Amino acid sequence: MGALAGLAPIFGAIGTGISVLGTIQAGREAKAQADYQAKVQEMQADEAQAASQRDAAATYRQGRLIASQQRAAVAGAGGDLTDPSVIDIMADTDFETDLAARTDIYRGEQQARGLNDAAVNSRISGKNAQKAAFISAAGNLFSGVSNMYSRFGAQAKTTATASGSTRPLYG
């Protein structure tokens, strides 16, 4: 039992060291996970923006097709493309097409902004988790040192020897 008592401070120091290193590693892993999540969110933001641009291009193509069909219908019915009512209808079609395409782009930009904000928040959370791990590791280190000092330090040595009377309690 005496040999284990001599090794107790060493085991205590090793345990404290492992606890500190484990806490620091957990913080690093939390930050790495948050950075990865942020990267994914940024890629999703880029994709949302690209998708909205593709949708807008499709809307513009659809609008040109509709305008072409309107011109063909007017010409086929013997109408005049310079007639003010025909011009108004064609202008309305162009306006609605442009509005729909711009709305597609706006939606994509809004979604991208939200995802980019989420990426920033993920990175902040990762940094905070890493800082918290370092603080916790420092607390574990100081706690371990304090416990070891209480058990094996000068204070424990001074209280180890008993002093006083050996008189019986009831005598």
N, C-alpha and C. Protein backbone atom coordinates (compact mmCIF):
# COMPACT_ATOMS: atom_id res chain seq x y z
N MET A 1 0.81 -1.20 0.00
CA MET A 1 0.00 0.00 0.00
C MET A 1 0.86 1.26 0.00
N GLY A 2 2.05 1.17 0.58
CA GLY A 2 2.96 2.30 0.65
C GLY A 2 3.43 2.74 -0.73
N ALA A 3 3.65 1.78 -1.63
CA ALA A 3 4.10 2.11 -2.98
C ALA A 3 3.02 2.87 -3.73
N LEU A 4 1.77 2.47 -3.53
CA LEU A 4 0.66 3.18 -4.19
C LEU A 4 0.51 4.59 -3.63
N ALA A 5 0.76 4.74 -2.35
CA ALA A 5 0.67 6.07 -1.75
C ALA A 5 1.72 6.99 -2.36
N GLY A 6 2.88 6.45 -2.66
CA GLY A 6 3.93 7.26 -3.29
C GLY A 6 3.61 7.61 -4.73
N LEU A 7 2.84 6.74 -5.39
CA LEU A 7 2.48 6.99 -6.78
C LEU A 7 1.22 7.86 -6.93
N ALA A 8 0.51 8.05 -5.84
CA ALA A 8 -0.75 8.80 -5.91
C ALA A 8 -0.57 10.20 -6.49
N PRO A 9 0.44 10.96 -6.11
CA PRO A 9 0.61 12.28 -6.72
C PRO A 9 0.86 12.20 -8.23
N ILE A 10 1.59 11.18 -8.65
CA ILE A 10 1.88 11.02 -10.08
C ILE A 10 0.60 10.69 -10.83
N PHE A 11 -0.19 9.74 -10.27
CA PHE A 11 -1.47 9.40 -10.92
C PHE A 11 -2.41 10.60 -10.94
N GLY A 12 -2.42 11.37 -9.88
CA GLY A 12 -3.25 12.58 -9.83
C GLY A 12 -2.85 13.57 -10.90
N ALA A 13 -1.54 13.76 -11.09
CA ALA A 13 -1.06 14.68 -12.11
C ALA A 13 -1.40 14.17 -13.51
N ILE A 14 -1.24 12.87 -13.71
CA ILE A 14 -1.58 12.29 -15.02
C ILE A 14 -3.08 12.46 -15.30
N GLY A 15 -3.90 12.17 -14.29
CA GLY A 15 -5.36 12.32 -14.46
C GLY A 15 -5.75 13.75 -14.77
N THR A 16 -5.14 14.69 -14.08
CA THR A 16 -5.42 16.11 -14.35
C THR A 16 -4.99 16.48 -15.77
N GLY A 17 -3.81 16.01 -16.17
CA GLY A 17 -3.32 16.30 -17.52
C GLY A 17 -4.23 15.74 -18.59
N ILE A 18 -4.68 14.52 -18.40
CA ILE A 18 -5.58 13.90 -19.38
C ILE A 18 -6.90 14.65 -19.44
N SER A 19 -7.40 15.06 -18.29
CA SER A 19 -8.65 15.82 -18.26
C SER A 19 -8.50 17.14 -19.00
N VAL A 20 -7.39 17.82 -18.77
CA VAL A 20 -7.14 19.10 -19.45
C VAL A 20 -7.04 18.90 -20.96
N LEU A 21 -6.25 17.92 -21.37
CA LEU A 21 -6.10 17.66 -22.81
C LEU A 21 -7.41 17.23 -23.46
N GLY A 22 -8.19 16.42 -22.77
CA GLY A 22 -9.49 15.99 -23.30
C GLY A 22 -10.44 17.16 -23.48
N THR A 23 -10.44 18.07 -22.53
CA THR A 23 -11.31 19.24 -22.63
C THR A 23 -10.89 20.14 -23.79
N ILE A 24 -9.58 20.34 -23.93
CA ILE A 24 -9.08 21.16 -25.05
C ILE A 24 -9.43 20.51 -26.39
N GLN A 25 -9.26 19.20 -26.49
CA GLN A 25 -9.58 18.49 -27.73
C GLN A 25 -11.06 18.58 -28.05
N ALA A 26 -11.90 18.48 -27.03
CA ALA A 26 -13.35 18.60 -27.26
C ALA A 26 -13.69 19.98 -27.81
N GLY A 27 -13.01 21.01 -27.31
CA GLY A 27 -13.22 22.37 -27.83
C GLY A 27 -12.78 22.50 -29.27
N ARG A 28 -11.63 21.89 -29.60
CA ARG A 28 -11.15 21.94 -30.98
C ARG A 28 -12.12 21.22 -31.92
N GLU A 29 -12.64 20.09 -31.47
CA GLU A 29 -13.59 19.34 -32.30
C GLU A 29 -14.89 20.11 -32.48
N ALA A 30 -15.35 20.78 -31.43
CA ALA A 30 -16.57 21.58 -31.55
C ALA A 30 -16.36 22.72 -32.55
N LYS A 31 -15.20 23.35 -32.50
CA LYS A 31 -14.91 24.43 -33.45
C LYS A 31 -14.81 23.89 -34.88
N ALA A 32 -14.15 22.75 -35.04
CA ALA A 32 -14.03 22.15 -36.38
C ALA A 32 -15.41 21.80 -36.93
N GLN A 33 -16.28 21.26 -36.10
CA GLN A 33 -17.64 20.93 -36.53
C GLN A 33 -18.40 22.19 -36.94
N ALA A 34 -18.26 23.24 -36.14
CA ALA A 34 -18.94 24.50 -36.46
C ALA A 34 -18.40 25.10 -37.75
N ASP A 35 -17.08 25.02 -37.96
CA ASP A 35 -16.50 25.53 -39.20
C ASP A 35 -17.00 24.75 -40.41
N TYR A 36 -17.10 23.43 -40.26
CA TYR A 36 -17.62 22.60 -41.35
C TYR A 36 -19.08 22.98 -41.65
N GLN A 37 -19.87 23.12 -40.59
CA GLN A 37 -21.27 23.49 -40.78
C GLN A 37 -21.38 24.85 -41.47
N ALA A 38 -20.52 25.78 -41.10
CA ALA A 38 -20.53 27.11 -41.73
C ALA A 38 -20.18 26.99 -43.21
N LYS A 39 -19.22 26.16 -43.54
CA LYS A 39 -18.83 25.98 -44.95
C LYS A 39 -19.99 25.41 -45.76
N VAL A 40 -20.69 24.43 -45.18
CA VAL A 40 -21.85 23.85 -45.86
C VAL A 40 -22.92 24.91 -46.06
N GLN A 41 -23.16 25.74 -45.05
CA GLN A 41 -24.18 26.79 -45.16
C GLN A 41 -23.78 27.80 -46.23
N GLU A 42 -22.51 28.12 -46.34
CA GLU A 42 -22.07 29.05 -47.39
C GLU A 42 -22.26 28.43 -48.78
N MET A 43 -21.98 27.15 -48.91
CA MET A 43 -22.22 26.49 -50.20
C MET A 43 -23.71 26.46 -50.53
N GLN A 44 -24.56 26.23 -49.53
CA GLN A 44 -26.00 26.26 -49.75
C GLN A 44 -26.45 27.66 -50.16
N ALA A 45 -25.84 28.68 -49.58
CA ALA A 45 -26.17 30.06 -49.95
C ALA A 45 -25.83 30.32 -51.41
N ASP A 46 -24.65 29.87 -51.82
CA ASP A 46 -24.25 30.04 -53.22
C ASP A 46 -25.22 29.31 -54.15
N GLU A 47 -25.61 28.10 -53.76
CA GLU A 47 -26.54 27.32 -54.59
C GLU A 47 -27.91 27.98 -54.65
N ALA A 48 -28.37 28.53 -53.54
CA ALA A 48 -29.68 29.21 -53.54
C ALA A 48 -29.66 30.40 -54.49
N GLN A 49 -28.56 31.13 -54.48
CA GLN A 49 -28.46 32.27 -55.38
C GLN A 49 -28.40 31.82 -56.83
N ALA A 50 -27.62 30.79 -57.11
CA ALA A 50 -27.51 30.28 -58.49
C ALA A 50 -28.86 29.73 -58.96
N ALA A 51 -29.55 29.02 -58.08
CA ALA A 51 -30.86 28.46 -58.45
C ALA A 51 -31.85 29.57 -58.77
N SER A 52 -31.80 30.65 -57.99
CA SER A 52 -32.74 31.75 -58.26
C SER A 52 -32.42 32.41 -59.60
N GLN A 53 -31.15 32.48 -59.96
CA GLN A 53 -30.78 33.06 -61.25
C GLN A 53 -31.24 32.15 -62.39
N ARG A 54 -31.13 30.84 -62.17
CA ARG A 54 -31.64 29.91 -63.21
C ARG A 54 -33.16 30.04 -63.34
N ASP A 55 -33.85 30.17 -62.21
CA ASP A 55 -35.31 30.33 -62.24
C ASP A 55 -35.69 31.62 -62.95
N ALA A 56 -34.94 32.69 -62.69
CA ALA A 56 -35.22 33.97 -63.34
C ALA A 56 -35.00 33.86 -64.85
N ALA A 57 -33.94 33.18 -65.25
CA ALA A 57 -33.68 33.01 -66.68
C ALA A 57 -34.81 32.22 -67.34
N ALA A 58 -35.30 31.19 -66.64
CA ALA A 58 -36.42 30.41 -67.17
C ALA A 58 -37.68 31.27 -67.27
N THR A 59 -37.88 32.14 -66.29
CA THR A 59 -39.05 33.04 -66.31
C THR A 59 -38.95 33.99 -67.50
N TYR A 60 -37.77 34.54 -67.73
CA TYR A 60 -37.58 35.43 -68.89
C TYR A 60 -37.83 34.68 -70.20
N ARG A 61 -37.33 33.45 -70.31
CA ARG A 61 -37.57 32.65 -71.53
C ARG A 61 -39.07 32.41 -71.72
N GLN A 62 -39.76 32.07 -70.63
CA GLN A 62 -41.20 31.83 -70.70
C GLN A 62 -41.93 33.11 -71.11
N GLY A 63 -41.48 34.24 -70.57
CA GLY A 63 -42.10 35.52 -70.94
C GLY A 63 -41.91 35.85 -72.42
N ARG A 64 -40.71 35.59 -72.94
CA ARG A 64 -40.47 35.83 -74.38
C ARG A 64 -41.34 34.91 -75.23
N LEU A 65 -41.52 33.68 -74.79
CA LEU A 65 -42.38 32.74 -75.52
C LEU A 65 -43.83 33.23 -75.53
N ILE A 66 -44.29 33.68 -74.39
CA ILE A 66 -45.67 34.20 -74.31
C ILE A 66 -45.83 35.43 -75.21
N ALA A 67 -44.85 36.34 -75.17
CA ALA A 67 -44.92 37.54 -76.02
C ALA A 67 -44.92 37.15 -77.51
N SER A 68 -44.15 36.15 -77.84
CA SER A 68 -44.12 35.68 -79.23
C SER A 68 -45.47 35.10 -79.62
N GLN A 69 -46.06 34.33 -78.73
CA GLN A 69 -47.39 33.76 -79.01
C GLN A 69 -48.44 34.86 -79.14
N GLN A 70 -48.31 35.91 -78.31
CA GLN A 70 -49.27 37.02 -78.41
C GLN A 70 -49.14 37.71 -79.76
N ARG A 71 -47.91 37.96 -80.19
CA ARG A 71 -47.71 38.61 -81.49
C ARG A 71 -48.27 37.75 -82.62
N ALA A 72 -48.03 36.45 -82.52
CA ALA A 72 -48.54 35.54 -83.56
C ALA A 72 -50.07 35.53 -83.56
N ALA A 73 -50.67 35.55 -82.37
CA ALA A 73 -52.14 35.54 -82.29
C ALA A 73 -52.72 36.82 -82.88
N VAL A 74 -52.08 37.95 -82.55
CA VAL A 74 -52.57 39.23 -83.07
C VAL A 74 -52.41 39.26 -84.60
N ALA A 75 -51.26 38.85 -85.08
CA ALA A 75 -51.03 38.87 -86.54
C ALA A 75 -51.94 37.87 -87.24
N GLY A 76 -52.16 36.71 -86.62
CA GLY A 76 -53.02 35.69 -87.23
C GLY A 76 -54.47 36.13 -87.29
N ALA A 77 -54.87 36.97 -86.35
CA ALA A 77 -56.26 37.44 -86.34
C ALA A 77 -56.42 38.69 -87.20
N GLY A 78 -55.34 39.11 -87.85
CA GLY A 78 -55.42 40.28 -88.72
C GLY A 78 -55.28 41.57 -87.96
N GLY A 79 -54.82 41.52 -86.74
CA GLY A 79 -54.65 42.74 -85.93
C GLY A 79 -53.37 43.47 -86.28
N ASP A 80 -53.26 44.64 -85.68
CA ASP A 80 -52.11 45.50 -85.93
C ASP A 80 -51.27 45.55 -84.65
N LEU A 81 -49.97 45.20 -84.76
CA LEU A 81 -49.09 45.19 -83.58
C LEU A 81 -48.81 46.59 -83.06
N THR A 82 -49.17 47.63 -83.84
CA THR A 82 -48.97 49.00 -83.38
C THR A 82 -50.22 49.57 -82.73
N ASP A 83 -51.26 48.78 -82.63
CA ASP A 83 -52.50 49.19 -81.96
C ASP A 83 -52.19 49.42 -80.47
N PRO A 84 -52.66 50.53 -79.90
CA PRO A 84 -52.35 50.83 -78.50
C PRO A 84 -52.80 49.75 -77.51
N SER A 85 -53.92 49.10 -77.74
CA SER A 85 -54.37 48.06 -76.82
C SER A 85 -53.46 46.83 -76.90
N VAL A 86 -52.97 46.51 -78.11
CA VAL A 86 -52.04 45.39 -78.27
C VAL A 86 -50.71 45.74 -77.60
N ILE A 87 -50.27 46.97 -77.78
CA ILE A 87 -49.02 47.42 -77.14
C ILE A 87 -49.15 47.35 -75.62
N ASP A 88 -50.32 47.74 -75.09
CA ASP A 88 -50.55 47.68 -73.63
C ASP A 88 -50.49 46.24 -73.13
N ILE A 89 -51.13 45.33 -73.85
CA ILE A 89 -51.12 43.92 -73.45
C ILE A 89 -49.69 43.37 -73.47
N MET A 90 -48.94 43.69 -74.52
CA MET A 90 -47.56 43.22 -74.63
C MET A 90 -46.70 43.83 -73.52
N ALA A 91 -46.92 45.12 -73.21
CA ALA A 91 -46.16 45.78 -72.14
C ALA A 91 -46.49 45.15 -70.79
N ASP A 92 -47.77 44.81 -70.57
CA ASP A 92 -48.16 44.14 -69.32
C ASP A 92 -47.45 42.78 -69.19
N THR A 93 -47.39 42.06 -70.30
CA THR A 93 -46.71 40.76 -70.28
C THR A 93 -45.23 40.94 -69.94
N ASP A 94 -44.60 41.92 -70.56
CA ASP A 94 -43.18 42.19 -70.27
C ASP A 94 -42.99 42.59 -68.81
N PHE A 95 -43.87 43.44 -68.30
CA PHE A 95 -43.78 43.89 -66.91
C PHE A 95 -43.92 42.71 -65.95
N GLU A 96 -44.92 41.87 -66.16
CA GLU A 96 -45.16 40.73 -65.27
C GLU A 96 -44.01 39.72 -65.34
N THR A 97 -43.47 39.54 -66.54
CA THR A 97 -42.33 38.64 -66.70
C THR A 97 -41.12 39.16 -65.91
N ASP A 98 -40.85 40.44 -66.06
CA ASP A 98 -39.72 41.06 -65.36
C ASP A 98 -39.92 41.00 -63.84
N LEU A 99 -41.14 41.28 -63.39
CA LEU A 99 -41.44 41.23 -61.95
C LEU A 99 -41.24 39.82 -61.41
N ALA A 100 -41.73 38.83 -62.11
CA ALA A 100 -41.59 37.44 -61.65
C ALA A 100 -40.12 37.03 -61.60
N ALA A 101 -39.34 37.43 -62.60
CA ALA A 101 -37.92 37.07 -62.63
C ALA A 101 -37.17 37.77 -61.50
N ARG A 102 -37.44 39.05 -61.30
CA ARG A 102 -36.79 39.78 -60.21
C ARG A 102 -37.19 39.22 -58.84
N THR A 103 -38.41 38.75 -58.72
CA THR A 103 -38.86 38.12 -57.47
C THR A 103 -38.10 36.83 -57.22
N ASP A 104 -37.88 36.06 -58.28
CA ASP A 104 -37.08 34.84 -58.15
C ASP A 104 -35.68 35.16 -57.63
N ILE A 105 -35.06 36.17 -58.21
CA ILE A 105 -33.71 36.56 -57.80
C ILE A 105 -33.72 37.06 -56.35
N TYR A 106 -34.71 37.86 -55.99
CA TYR A 106 -34.81 38.39 -54.63
C TYR A 106 -34.94 37.25 -53.62
N ARG A 107 -35.78 36.28 -53.92
CA ARG A 107 -35.94 35.13 -53.01
C ARG A 107 -34.61 34.41 -52.80
N GLY A 108 -33.88 34.20 -53.87
CA GLY A 108 -32.58 33.54 -53.78
C GLY A 108 -31.59 34.34 -52.95
N GLU A 109 -31.60 35.65 -53.14
CA GLU A 109 -30.70 36.51 -52.37
C GLU A 109 -31.07 36.51 -50.89
N GLN A 110 -32.37 36.52 -50.61
CA GLN A 110 -32.82 36.46 -49.20
C GLN A 110 -32.40 35.14 -48.56
N GLN A 111 -32.60 34.06 -49.26
CA GLN A 111 -32.21 32.76 -48.74
C GLN A 111 -30.70 32.70 -48.54
N ALA A 112 -29.95 33.23 -49.47
CA ALA A 112 -28.49 33.24 -49.35
C ALA A 112 -28.05 34.08 -48.15
N ARG A 113 -28.69 35.23 -47.94
CA ARG A 113 -28.35 36.06 -46.78
C ARG A 113 -28.60 35.31 -45.48
N GLY A 114 -29.73 34.62 -45.41
CA GLY A 114 -30.05 33.84 -44.21
C GLY A 114 -29.04 32.74 -43.96
N LEU A 115 -28.64 32.05 -45.02
CA LEU A 115 -27.65 30.98 -44.87
C LEU A 115 -26.27 31.53 -44.52
N ASN A 116 -25.90 32.65 -45.11
CA ASN A 116 -24.61 33.27 -44.76
C ASN A 116 -24.61 33.75 -43.31
N ASP A 117 -25.74 34.30 -42.84
CA ASP A 117 -25.85 34.68 -41.43
C ASP A 117 -25.72 33.47 -40.52
N ALA A 118 -26.35 32.37 -40.92
CA ALA A 118 -26.24 31.13 -40.14
C ALA A 118 -24.79 30.64 -40.10
N ALA A 119 -24.07 30.81 -41.20
CA ALA A 119 -22.66 30.41 -41.24
C ALA A 119 -21.83 31.25 -40.27
N VAL A 120 -22.10 32.54 -40.24
CA VAL A 120 -21.39 33.42 -39.30
C VAL A 120 -21.70 32.98 -37.87
N ASN A 121 -22.97 32.69 -37.59
CA ASN A 121 -23.35 32.24 -36.24
C ASN A 121 -22.68 30.92 -35.90
N SER A 122 -22.57 30.02 -36.86
CA SER A 122 -21.90 28.74 -36.61
C SER A 122 -20.45 28.96 -36.25
N ARG A 123 -19.78 29.84 -36.97
CA ARG A 123 -18.37 30.12 -36.67
C ARG A 123 -18.21 30.74 -35.28
N ILE A 124 -19.10 31.65 -34.94
CA ILE A 124 -19.05 32.27 -33.61
C ILE A 124 -19.28 31.22 -32.53
N SER A 125 -20.23 30.33 -32.75
CA SER A 125 -20.50 29.26 -31.78
C SER A 125 -19.28 28.36 -31.62
N GLY A 126 -18.61 28.06 -32.72
CA GLY A 126 -17.41 27.23 -32.67
C GLY A 126 -16.30 27.90 -31.87
N LYS A 127 -16.09 29.19 -32.13
CA LYS A 127 -15.06 29.92 -31.38
C LYS A 127 -15.40 29.97 -29.90
N ASN A 128 -16.68 30.21 -29.60
CA ASN A 128 -17.11 30.26 -28.20
C ASN A 128 -16.93 28.90 -27.52
N ALA A 129 -17.24 27.82 -28.23
CA ALA A 129 -17.07 26.48 -27.66
C ALA A 129 -15.60 26.21 -27.38
N GLN A 130 -14.74 26.65 -28.28
CA GLN A 130 -13.30 26.43 -28.07
C GLN A 130 -12.80 27.27 -26.89
N LYS A 131 -13.24 28.51 -26.78
CA LYS A 131 -12.84 29.35 -25.64
C LYS A 131 -13.34 28.74 -24.33
N ALA A 132 -14.59 28.28 -24.35
CA ALA A 132 -15.14 27.65 -23.14
C ALA A 132 -14.36 26.41 -22.76
N ALA A 133 -13.90 25.66 -23.74
CA ALA A 133 -13.11 24.46 -23.45
C ALA A 133 -11.78 24.84 -22.83
N PHE A 134 -11.13 25.89 -23.33
CA PHE A 134 -9.87 26.33 -22.75
C PHE A 134 -10.07 26.80 -21.31
N ILE A 135 -11.14 27.52 -21.07
CA ILE A 135 -11.42 27.99 -19.71
C ILE A 135 -11.70 26.81 -18.79
N SER A 136 -12.48 25.86 -19.28
CA SER A 136 -12.77 24.66 -18.50
C SER A 136 -11.51 23.86 -18.24
N ALA A 137 -10.64 23.77 -19.24
CA ALA A 137 -9.37 23.05 -19.07
C ALA A 137 -8.51 23.73 -18.01
N ALA A 138 -8.47 25.05 -18.04
CA ALA A 138 -7.71 25.78 -17.02
C ALA A 138 -8.31 25.52 -15.64
N GLY A 139 -9.64 25.51 -15.55
CA GLY A 139 -10.30 25.20 -14.27
C GLY A 139 -9.96 23.80 -13.79
N ASN A 140 -9.96 22.84 -14.72
CA ASN A 140 -9.60 21.47 -14.35
C ASN A 140 -8.15 21.40 -13.86
N LEU A 141 -7.28 22.13 -14.53
CA LEU A 141 -5.87 22.13 -14.14
C LEU A 141 -5.70 22.70 -12.73
N PHE A 142 -6.29 23.85 -12.49
CA PHE A 142 -6.16 24.46 -11.16
C PHE A 142 -6.83 23.62 -10.08
N SER A 143 -7.95 23.02 -10.41
CA SER A 143 -8.63 22.15 -9.46
C SER A 143 -7.78 20.93 -9.13
N GLY A 144 -7.18 20.34 -10.15
CA GLY A 144 -6.32 19.18 -9.93
C GLY A 144 -5.10 19.52 -9.09
N VAL A 145 -4.48 20.65 -9.39
CA VAL A 145 -3.31 21.08 -8.61
C VAL A 145 -3.72 21.36 -7.17
N SER A 146 -4.86 22.01 -7.00
CA SER A 146 -5.34 22.31 -5.65
C SER A 146 -5.63 21.03 -4.87
N ASN A 147 -6.28 20.06 -5.51
CA ASN A 147 -6.57 18.79 -4.84
C ASN A 147 -5.28 18.06 -4.46
N MET A 148 -4.33 18.08 -5.37
CA MET A 148 -3.07 17.40 -5.07
C MET A 148 -2.34 18.10 -3.93
N TYR A 149 -2.37 19.42 -3.92
CA TYR A 149 -1.71 20.15 -2.84
C TYR A 149 -2.39 19.85 -1.51
N SER A 150 -3.74 19.81 -1.53
CA SER A 150 -4.47 19.51 -0.29
C SER A 150 -4.12 18.12 0.23
N ARG A 151 -3.95 17.18 -0.65
CA ARG A 151 -3.66 15.80 -0.23
C ARG A 151 -2.20 15.60 0.14
N PHE A 152 -1.31 16.17 -0.62
CA PHE A 152 0.09 15.80 -0.49
C PHE A 152 1.01 16.98 -0.19
N GLY A 153 0.48 18.17 -0.13
CA GLY A 153 1.33 19.35 0.05
C GLY A 153 1.68 19.60 1.50
N ALA A 154 2.21 20.79 1.75
CA ALA A 154 2.69 21.16 3.08
C ALA A 154 1.57 21.11 4.11
N GLN A 155 0.37 21.51 3.71
CA GLN A 155 -0.75 21.52 4.64
C GLN A 155 -1.06 20.10 5.13
N ALA A 156 -1.02 19.12 4.26
CA ALA A 156 -1.30 17.74 4.64
C ALA A 156 -0.21 17.20 5.55
N LYS A 157 1.04 17.59 5.36
CA LYS A 157 2.14 17.11 6.18
C LYS A 157 2.06 17.67 7.59
N THR A 158 1.60 18.89 7.76
CA THR A 158 1.54 19.47 9.09
C THR A 158 0.40 18.88 9.91
N THR A 159 -0.63 18.41 9.27
CA THR A 159 -1.74 17.83 10.03
C THR A 159 -1.65 16.33 10.12
N ALA A 160 -0.60 15.75 9.58
CA ALA A 160 -0.48 14.29 9.57
C ALA A 160 -0.15 13.73 10.96
N THR A 161 0.63 14.44 11.75
CA THR A 161 0.98 13.93 13.07
C THR A 161 -0.03 14.39 14.08
N ALA A 162 -0.45 13.47 14.93
CA ALA A 162 -1.44 13.79 15.95
C ALA A 162 -0.75 14.35 17.17
N SER A 163 -1.38 15.27 17.83
CA SER A 163 -0.83 15.82 19.07
C SER A 163 -1.94 15.86 20.10
N GLY A 164 -1.56 15.90 21.30
CA GLY A 164 -2.56 16.01 22.34
C GLY A 164 -2.46 14.87 23.32
N SER A 165 -3.43 14.78 24.14
CA SER A 165 -3.45 13.83 25.24
C SER A 165 -3.99 12.49 24.79
N THR A 166 -3.53 11.44 25.44
CA THR A 166 -4.05 10.10 25.15
C THR A 166 -4.89 9.61 26.33
N ARG A 167 -5.43 10.53 27.11
CA ARG A 167 -6.27 10.16 28.23
C ARG A 167 -7.55 9.53 27.74
N PRO A 168 -8.06 8.58 28.46
CA PRO A 168 -9.35 8.00 28.09
C PRO A 168 -10.47 9.03 28.21
N LEU A 169 -11.48 8.87 27.38
CA LEU A 169 -12.58 9.82 27.36
C LEU A 169 -13.40 9.78 28.66
N TYR A 170 -13.59 8.60 29.18
CA TYR A 170 -14.46 8.48 30.34
C TYR A 170 -13.62 8.04 31.54
N GLY A 171 -12.77 8.71 31.98
CA GLY A 171 -11.93 8.19 33.02
C GLY A 171 -11.56 9.02 34.09
